[in-house]
């Protein structure tokens, strides 16, 4: 049976320029960090008190669902 759990990732446009591709938060092994909840992703950024929309507008970070393998 395929795992249908949802995971979230953190990304931003390289150098904050929206024409640039996205870069993602990676671990020390250059593996994509996947979060079980949006709250955990916001905590890593140190921005748990803000909404996802505020984080996007103020800091340019996106918290989105990861693509399923």
N, C-alpha and C. Protein backbone atom coordinates (compact mmCIF):
# COMPACT_ATOMS: atom_id res chain seq x y z
N UNK A 1 0.84 -1.18 0.00
CA UNK A 1 0.00 0.00 0.00
C UNK A 1 0.89 1.25 0.00
N UNK A 2 0.52 2.23 -0.79
CA UNK A 2 1.29 3.46 -0.90
C UNK A 2 1.02 4.37 0.28
N UNK A 3 2.09 5.00 0.80
CA UNK A 3 1.98 5.94 1.91
C UNK A 3 1.35 7.23 1.38
N UNK A 4 0.20 7.62 1.93
CA UNK A 4 -0.48 8.82 1.46
C UNK A 4 -0.36 9.97 2.46
N UNK A 5 0.60 9.85 3.40
CA UNK A 5 0.78 10.93 4.36
C UNK A 5 1.28 12.18 3.66
N UNK A 6 0.91 13.31 4.21
CA UNK A 6 1.31 14.59 3.64
C UNK A 6 2.54 15.11 4.34
N UNK A 7 3.41 15.73 3.57
CA UNK A 7 4.60 16.37 4.11
C UNK A 7 4.71 17.77 3.49
N UNK A 8 5.33 18.65 4.24
CA UNK A 8 5.51 20.03 3.80
C UNK A 8 6.99 20.32 3.64
N UNK A 9 7.30 21.23 2.73
CA UNK A 9 8.67 21.65 2.49
C UNK A 9 8.73 23.18 2.54
N UNK A 10 9.95 23.68 2.74
CA UNK A 10 10.18 25.12 2.77
C UNK A 10 11.03 25.47 1.56
N UNK A 11 10.63 26.52 0.85
CA UNK A 11 11.40 26.96 -0.31
C UNK A 11 11.36 28.47 -0.43
N UNK A 12 12.19 28.99 -1.32
CA UNK A 12 12.18 30.41 -1.67
C UNK A 12 12.83 30.55 -3.03
N UNK A 13 12.57 31.68 -3.68
CA UNK A 13 13.22 31.94 -4.96
C UNK A 13 14.66 32.36 -4.69
N UNK A 14 15.58 31.83 -5.48
CA UNK A 14 17.00 32.13 -5.32
C UNK A 14 17.21 33.64 -5.37
N UNK A 15 17.91 34.15 -4.38
CA UNK A 15 18.20 35.59 -4.22
C UNK A 15 16.95 36.44 -4.13
N UNK A 16 15.81 35.82 -3.81
CA UNK A 16 14.57 36.57 -3.64
C UNK A 16 13.98 37.11 -4.93
N UNK A 17 14.46 36.63 -6.06
CA UNK A 17 13.99 37.10 -7.37
C UNK A 17 13.02 36.07 -7.93
N UNK A 18 11.76 36.47 -8.13
CA UNK A 18 10.73 35.51 -8.52
C UNK A 18 10.95 34.89 -9.89
N UNK A 19 11.79 35.46 -10.71
CA UNK A 19 12.10 34.85 -12.00
C UNK A 19 13.07 33.68 -11.84
N UNK A 20 13.76 33.62 -10.70
CA UNK A 20 14.69 32.53 -10.43
C UNK A 20 13.92 31.30 -9.95
N UNK A 21 14.50 30.12 -10.14
CA UNK A 21 13.84 28.90 -9.64
C UNK A 21 13.84 28.86 -8.11
N UNK A 22 13.09 27.93 -7.58
CA UNK A 22 13.03 27.76 -6.14
C UNK A 22 14.23 26.96 -5.64
N UNK A 23 14.68 27.31 -4.43
CA UNK A 23 15.64 26.48 -3.72
C UNK A 23 14.96 26.02 -2.44
N UNK A 24 15.33 24.84 -1.96
CA UNK A 24 14.63 24.21 -0.85
C UNK A 24 15.55 24.05 0.35
N UNK A 25 14.96 23.98 1.53
CA UNK A 25 15.73 23.75 2.75
C UNK A 25 16.15 22.29 2.78
N UNK A 26 17.46 22.09 2.94
CA UNK A 26 18.05 20.76 2.94
C UNK A 26 18.71 20.48 4.28
N UNK A 27 18.92 19.19 4.58
CA UNK A 27 19.64 18.82 5.79
C UNK A 27 21.14 18.78 5.52
N UNK A 28 21.92 18.35 6.51
CA UNK A 28 23.38 18.32 6.38
C UNK A 28 23.87 17.34 5.32
N UNK A 29 23.00 16.43 4.87
CA UNK A 29 23.34 15.48 3.81
C UNK A 29 22.78 15.91 2.46
N UNK A 30 22.36 17.16 2.37
CA UNK A 30 21.76 17.71 1.15
C UNK A 30 20.49 16.99 0.74
N UNK A 31 19.77 16.45 1.71
CA UNK A 31 18.48 15.81 1.48
C UNK A 31 17.37 16.80 1.83
N UNK A 32 16.32 16.77 1.06
CA UNK A 32 15.17 17.64 1.28
C UNK A 32 14.57 17.36 2.66
N UNK A 33 14.38 18.42 3.45
CA UNK A 33 13.75 18.27 4.75
C UNK A 33 12.24 18.32 4.55
N UNK A 34 11.55 17.29 5.01
CA UNK A 34 10.09 17.23 4.93
C UNK A 34 9.52 17.30 6.34
N UNK A 35 8.50 18.10 6.50
CA UNK A 35 7.88 18.33 7.79
C UNK A 35 6.50 17.68 7.82
N UNK A 36 6.15 17.13 8.98
CA UNK A 36 4.83 16.51 9.14
C UNK A 36 3.71 17.53 9.20
N UNK A 37 4.04 18.74 9.70
CA UNK A 37 3.03 19.78 9.85
C UNK A 37 3.59 21.13 9.43
N UNK A 38 2.70 22.04 9.10
CA UNK A 38 3.11 23.41 8.80
C UNK A 38 3.74 24.04 10.03
N UNK A 39 3.20 23.73 11.20
CA UNK A 39 3.72 24.29 12.45
C UNK A 39 5.20 23.96 12.62
N UNK A 40 5.59 22.72 12.34
CA UNK A 40 6.99 22.32 12.48
C UNK A 40 7.87 23.07 11.48
N UNK A 41 7.37 23.29 10.29
CA UNK A 41 8.14 24.06 9.29
C UNK A 41 8.32 25.50 9.75
N UNK A 42 7.26 26.10 10.27
CA UNK A 42 7.35 27.48 10.76
C UNK A 42 8.29 27.58 11.95
N UNK A 43 8.31 26.56 12.80
CA UNK A 43 9.21 26.56 13.96
C UNK A 43 10.67 26.53 13.51
N UNK A 44 10.99 25.77 12.46
CA UNK A 44 12.37 25.74 11.96
C UNK A 44 12.81 27.13 11.52
N UNK A 45 11.90 27.87 10.91
CA UNK A 45 12.21 29.23 10.46
C UNK A 45 12.24 30.22 11.63
N UNK A 46 11.76 29.79 12.79
CA UNK A 46 11.68 30.70 13.93
C UNK A 46 10.55 31.69 13.80
N UNK A 47 9.52 31.31 13.04
CA UNK A 47 8.41 32.22 12.74
C UNK A 47 7.07 31.58 13.06
N UNK A 48 7.01 30.79 14.12
CA UNK A 48 5.81 30.03 14.46
C UNK A 48 4.60 30.91 14.72
N UNK A 49 4.82 32.15 15.14
CA UNK A 49 3.70 33.03 15.48
C UNK A 49 3.05 33.68 14.26
N UNK A 50 3.68 33.57 13.10
CA UNK A 50 3.14 34.19 11.89
C UNK A 50 2.34 33.20 11.07
N UNK A 51 1.44 33.72 10.24
CA UNK A 51 0.71 32.86 9.31
C UNK A 51 1.61 32.55 8.11
N UNK A 52 1.24 31.53 7.36
CA UNK A 52 2.00 31.18 6.16
C UNK A 52 2.03 32.36 5.19
N UNK A 53 0.91 33.05 5.07
CA UNK A 53 0.84 34.21 4.17
C UNK A 53 1.79 35.32 4.61
N UNK A 54 1.87 35.58 5.92
CA UNK A 54 2.78 36.61 6.43
C UNK A 54 4.23 36.23 6.18
N UNK A 55 4.55 34.96 6.32
CA UNK A 55 5.92 34.50 6.07
C UNK A 55 6.27 34.69 4.60
N UNK A 56 5.35 34.39 3.71
CA UNK A 56 5.58 34.60 2.28
C UNK A 56 5.79 36.08 1.96
N UNK A 57 4.92 36.92 2.48
CA UNK A 57 4.98 38.36 2.18
C UNK A 57 6.19 39.04 2.78
N UNK A 58 6.49 38.75 4.05
CA UNK A 58 7.56 39.45 4.75
C UNK A 58 8.95 38.88 4.48
N UNK A 59 9.04 37.56 4.29
CA UNK A 59 10.34 36.90 4.21
C UNK A 59 10.60 36.15 2.91
N UNK A 60 9.59 35.94 2.10
CA UNK A 60 9.78 35.25 0.82
C UNK A 60 9.92 33.75 0.92
N UNK A 61 9.61 33.18 2.10
CA UNK A 61 9.64 31.73 2.27
C UNK A 61 8.28 31.16 1.95
N UNK A 62 8.26 30.01 1.28
CA UNK A 62 7.02 29.31 0.97
C UNK A 62 6.99 27.98 1.72
N UNK A 63 5.88 27.70 2.35
CA UNK A 63 5.67 26.40 2.98
C UNK A 63 4.56 25.73 2.19
N UNK A 64 4.93 24.65 1.49
CA UNK A 64 3.98 24.01 0.58
C UNK A 64 4.01 22.50 0.76
N UNK A 65 2.98 21.85 0.24
CA UNK A 65 2.96 20.39 0.25
C UNK A 65 4.07 19.85 -0.64
N UNK A 66 4.73 18.82 -0.15
CA UNK A 66 5.77 18.17 -0.95
C UNK A 66 5.10 17.31 -2.01
N UNK A 67 5.75 17.16 -3.13
CA UNK A 67 5.25 16.28 -4.17
C UNK A 67 5.36 14.85 -3.68
N UNK A 68 4.37 14.03 -3.99
CA UNK A 68 4.40 12.63 -3.63
C UNK A 68 5.36 11.88 -4.55
N UNK A 69 6.10 10.94 -3.97
CA UNK A 69 7.04 10.14 -4.76
C UNK A 69 6.30 9.12 -5.61
